[in-house]
Amino acid sequence: MTRRLPWLLLPAAALALDFASKAWILAHLTRHGSRVVIPGLFSLTLGYNPGAIFGSFGGASPLMRTLLFSVAGAAAILYFGWEFLRESTPALQRFALGLILGGALGNGLDRLRHGAVVDFLDFEFRGWHYWTFNLADSFIVCGGILLGIALVRSALKHRRENRETA
């Protein structure tokens, strides 16, 4: 277990960065306030997302959202946390899971504190406007991509080993 303890710094750091970025944005922008950082490309725009990814379930009743996000969030944190702390989890997979956990905790903390997720990273390109998101979302997406890569690498490795022993 002691070899795994330093890994706990990763989700803790992701959570801390997410929390600090949201605290800064809440201190410097009002709801729907915006600051252009790179004209025509990137702005900081404060918004609150009561739903899930891309605003899904945003129109559901507050009770339904609370139940759904509480159950889904707890299940995700328990499963990914268990996988993260398993002794046999490879380093790349553990890194990916640490990012996912940090992001999930950051967005979960928002739901507890604000009843919605604080979003502020706002990108547009040649008239195409992407959904506003936050660092926690970025950690979850990057962690998910890395987890996919780690799982595919592991499956390919097992497949090669099985062919060699056959």
Protein backbone atom coordinates (compact mmCIF):
# COMPACT_ATOMS: atom_id res chain seq x y z
CA MET A 1 0.00 0.00 0.00
CA THR A 2 2.84 2.42 0.79
CA ARG A 3 4.03 2.26 -2.86
CA ARG A 4 0.60 3.41 -3.95
CA LEU A 5 0.34 6.33 -1.51
CA PRO A 6 2.43 8.76 -3.62
CA TRP A 7 -0.03 8.14 -6.47
CA LEU A 8 -2.72 9.80 -4.33
CA LEU A 9 -0.96 13.09 -5.05
CA LEU A 10 -2.22 12.93 -8.65
CA PRO A 11 -6.00 13.07 -8.00
CA ALA A 12 -5.33 15.47 -5.11
CA ALA A 13 -3.35 17.79 -7.43
CA ALA A 14 -6.05 17.60 -10.14
CA LEU A 15 -8.70 18.43 -7.55
CA ALA A 16 -6.61 21.30 -6.15
CA LEU A 17 -5.97 22.80 -9.62
CA ASP A 18 -9.65 22.52 -10.51
CA PHE A 19 -10.73 24.05 -7.20
CA ALA A 20 -8.22 26.91 -7.46
CA SER A 21 -9.17 27.71 -11.06
CA LYS A 22 -12.86 27.83 -10.18
CA ALA A 23 -12.22 29.94 -7.08
CA TRP A 24 -10.28 32.42 -9.22
CA ILE A 25 -12.97 32.61 -11.89
CA LEU A 26 -15.73 33.03 -9.29
CA ALA A 27 -13.77 35.88 -7.71
CA HIS A 28 -13.18 37.67 -11.02
CA LEU A 29 -16.31 37.16 -13.14
CA THR A 30 -20.02 37.50 -12.57
CA ARG A 31 -22.49 34.90 -13.89
CA HIS A 32 -22.27 34.89 -17.71
CA GLY A 33 -19.45 37.45 -17.46
CA SER A 34 -16.69 37.01 -19.98
CA ARG A 35 -13.08 38.05 -20.57
CA VAL A 36 -11.53 37.60 -23.98
CA VAL A 37 -8.09 36.01 -23.72
CA ILE A 38 -7.39 35.32 -27.42
CA PRO A 39 -9.85 37.18 -29.69
CA GLY A 40 -11.87 34.83 -31.89
CA LEU A 41 -10.52 31.74 -30.13
CA PHE A 42 -10.58 31.69 -26.33
CA SER A 43 -12.44 33.47 -23.55
CA LEU A 44 -13.08 32.95 -19.88
CA THR A 45 -16.87 32.87 -19.53
CA LEU A 46 -18.52 32.00 -16.21
CA GLY A 47 -21.45 29.62 -16.48
CA TYR A 48 -23.14 26.99 -14.36
CA ASN A 49 -24.11 23.59 -15.76
CA PRO A 50 -26.78 21.87 -13.65
CA GLY A 51 -26.70 18.90 -16.04
CA ALA A 52 -24.08 16.44 -17.17
CA ILE A 53 -21.90 16.39 -20.28
CA PHE A 54 -23.03 18.96 -22.87
CA GLY A 55 -25.83 20.01 -20.50
CA SER A 56 -27.65 16.66 -20.71
CA PHE A 57 -30.19 16.17 -17.91
CA GLY A 58 -30.09 19.92 -17.25
CA GLY A 59 -33.85 20.07 -17.71
CA ALA A 60 -34.53 17.26 -15.23
CA SER A 61 -35.98 18.14 -11.85
CA PRO A 62 -33.44 19.08 -9.16
CA LEU A 63 -34.41 15.95 -7.18
CA MET A 64 -33.87 13.71 -10.21
CA ARG A 65 -30.49 15.33 -10.97
CA THR A 66 -29.41 15.02 -7.33
CA LEU A 67 -30.32 11.34 -7.22
CA LEU A 68 -28.82 10.56 -10.63
CA PHE A 69 -25.56 12.43 -10.10
CA SER A 70 -25.16 11.20 -6.52
CA VAL A 71 -25.57 7.54 -7.45
CA ALA A 72 -23.52 7.81 -10.67
CA GLY A 73 -20.81 9.88 -8.97
CA ALA A 74 -20.50 7.55 -5.99
CA ALA A 75 -20.40 4.48 -8.25
CA ALA A 76 -17.74 6.07 -10.49
CA ILE A 77 -15.57 7.17 -7.58
CA LEU A 78 -15.83 3.75 -5.90
CA TYR A 79 -15.06 1.80 -9.09
CA PHE A 80 -12.29 4.05 -10.41
CA GLY A 81 -10.90 4.45 -6.88
CA TRP A 82 -10.76 0.69 -6.43
CA GLU A 83 -9.03 0.26 -9.79
CA PHE A 84 -6.68 3.14 -8.97
CA LEU A 85 -5.57 1.59 -5.68
CA ARG A 86 -5.26 -2.04 -6.85
CA GLU A 87 -1.70 -3.30 -6.52
CA SER A 88 -1.73 -4.81 -10.02
CA THR A 89 -2.87 -1.65 -11.85
CA PRO A 90 -0.19 -0.63 -14.40
CA ALA A 91 1.30 2.87 -14.13
CA LEU A 92 -0.32 4.36 -17.27
CA GLN A 93 -3.71 3.04 -16.24
CA ARG A 94 -3.21 4.35 -12.68
CA PHE A 95 -2.23 7.78 -14.06
CA ALA A 96 -5.38 7.85 -16.21
CA LEU A 97 -7.55 6.81 -13.28
CA GLY A 98 -5.96 9.49 -11.09
CA LEU A 99 -6.94 12.17 -13.61
CA ILE A 100 -10.50 10.80 -13.83
CA LEU A 101 -10.81 10.68 -10.03
CA GLY A 102 -9.50 14.22 -9.56
CA GLY A 103 -11.89 15.54 -12.19
CA ALA A 104 -14.87 13.61 -10.84
CA LEU A 105 -14.17 14.88 -7.33
CA GLY A 106 -13.85 18.46 -8.61
CA ASN A 107 -17.18 18.41 -10.44
CA GLY A 108 -18.81 16.55 -7.55
CA LEU A 109 -17.61 19.21 -5.14
CA ASP A 110 -19.16 21.86 -7.40
CA ARG A 111 -22.51 20.09 -7.30
CA LEU A 112 -22.38 20.03 -3.50
CA ARG A 113 -21.30 23.67 -3.17
CA HIS A 114 -23.20 25.33 -6.04
CA GLY A 115 -25.86 22.84 -7.15
CA ALA A 116 -24.21 22.90 -10.58
CA VAL A 117 -20.78 22.56 -12.17
CA VAL A 118 -18.83 25.79 -12.64
CA ASP A 119 -17.67 26.08 -16.26
CA PHE A 120 -15.47 28.83 -17.70
CA LEU A 121 -13.15 27.65 -20.51
CA ASP A 122 -14.85 28.93 -23.65
CA PHE A 123 -13.49 28.17 -27.13
CA GLU A 124 -14.70 29.18 -30.58
CA PHE A 125 -13.16 28.83 -34.01
CA ARG A 126 -14.41 30.38 -37.26
CA GLY A 127 -17.98 30.62 -36.04
CA TRP A 128 -17.97 27.19 -34.38
CA HIS A 129 -18.53 27.49 -30.64
CA TYR A 130 -17.62 24.62 -28.34
CA TRP A 131 -19.40 23.97 -25.04
CA THR A 132 -17.94 25.80 -22.08
CA PHE A 133 -16.06 23.46 -19.73
CA ASN A 134 -13.56 23.43 -16.84
CA LEU A 135 -10.30 21.78 -15.76
CA ALA A 136 -12.11 18.87 -14.12
CA ASP A 137 -13.78 18.08 -17.45
CA SER A 138 -10.37 18.21 -19.13
CA PHE A 139 -8.88 15.84 -16.55
CA ILE A 140 -11.78 13.40 -17.05
CA VAL A 141 -11.51 13.47 -20.85
CA CYS A 142 -7.69 13.18 -20.89
CA GLY A 143 -7.88 10.42 -18.28
CA GLY A 144 -10.51 8.60 -20.35
CA ILE A 145 -8.36 8.78 -23.47
CA LEU A 146 -5.29 7.56 -21.58
CA LEU A 147 -7.33 4.79 -19.97
CA GLY A 148 -8.48 3.66 -23.40
CA ILE A 149 -4.90 3.64 -24.65
CA ALA A 150 -3.74 1.71 -21.56
CA LEU A 151 -6.48 -0.89 -21.94
CA VAL A 152 -5.82 -1.36 -25.67
CA ARG A 153 -2.07 -1.70 -24.99
CA SER A 154 -2.77 -4.28 -22.29
CA ALA A 155 -5.12 -6.26 -24.56
CA LEU A 156 -2.56 -6.24 -27.39
CA LYS A 157 0.17 -7.37 -25.01
CA HIS A 158 -1.96 -10.28 -23.75
CA ARG A 159 -2.86 -11.20 -27.31
CA ARG A 160 0.84 -11.29 -28.31
CA GLU A 161 1.70 -13.36 -25.24
CA ASN A 162 -1.09 -15.83 -25.99
CA ARG A 163 0.12 -16.23 -29.60
CA GLU A 164 3.68 -16.80 -28.43
CA THR A 165 2.66 -19.53 -25.98
CA ALA A 166 0.31 -21.24 -28.43
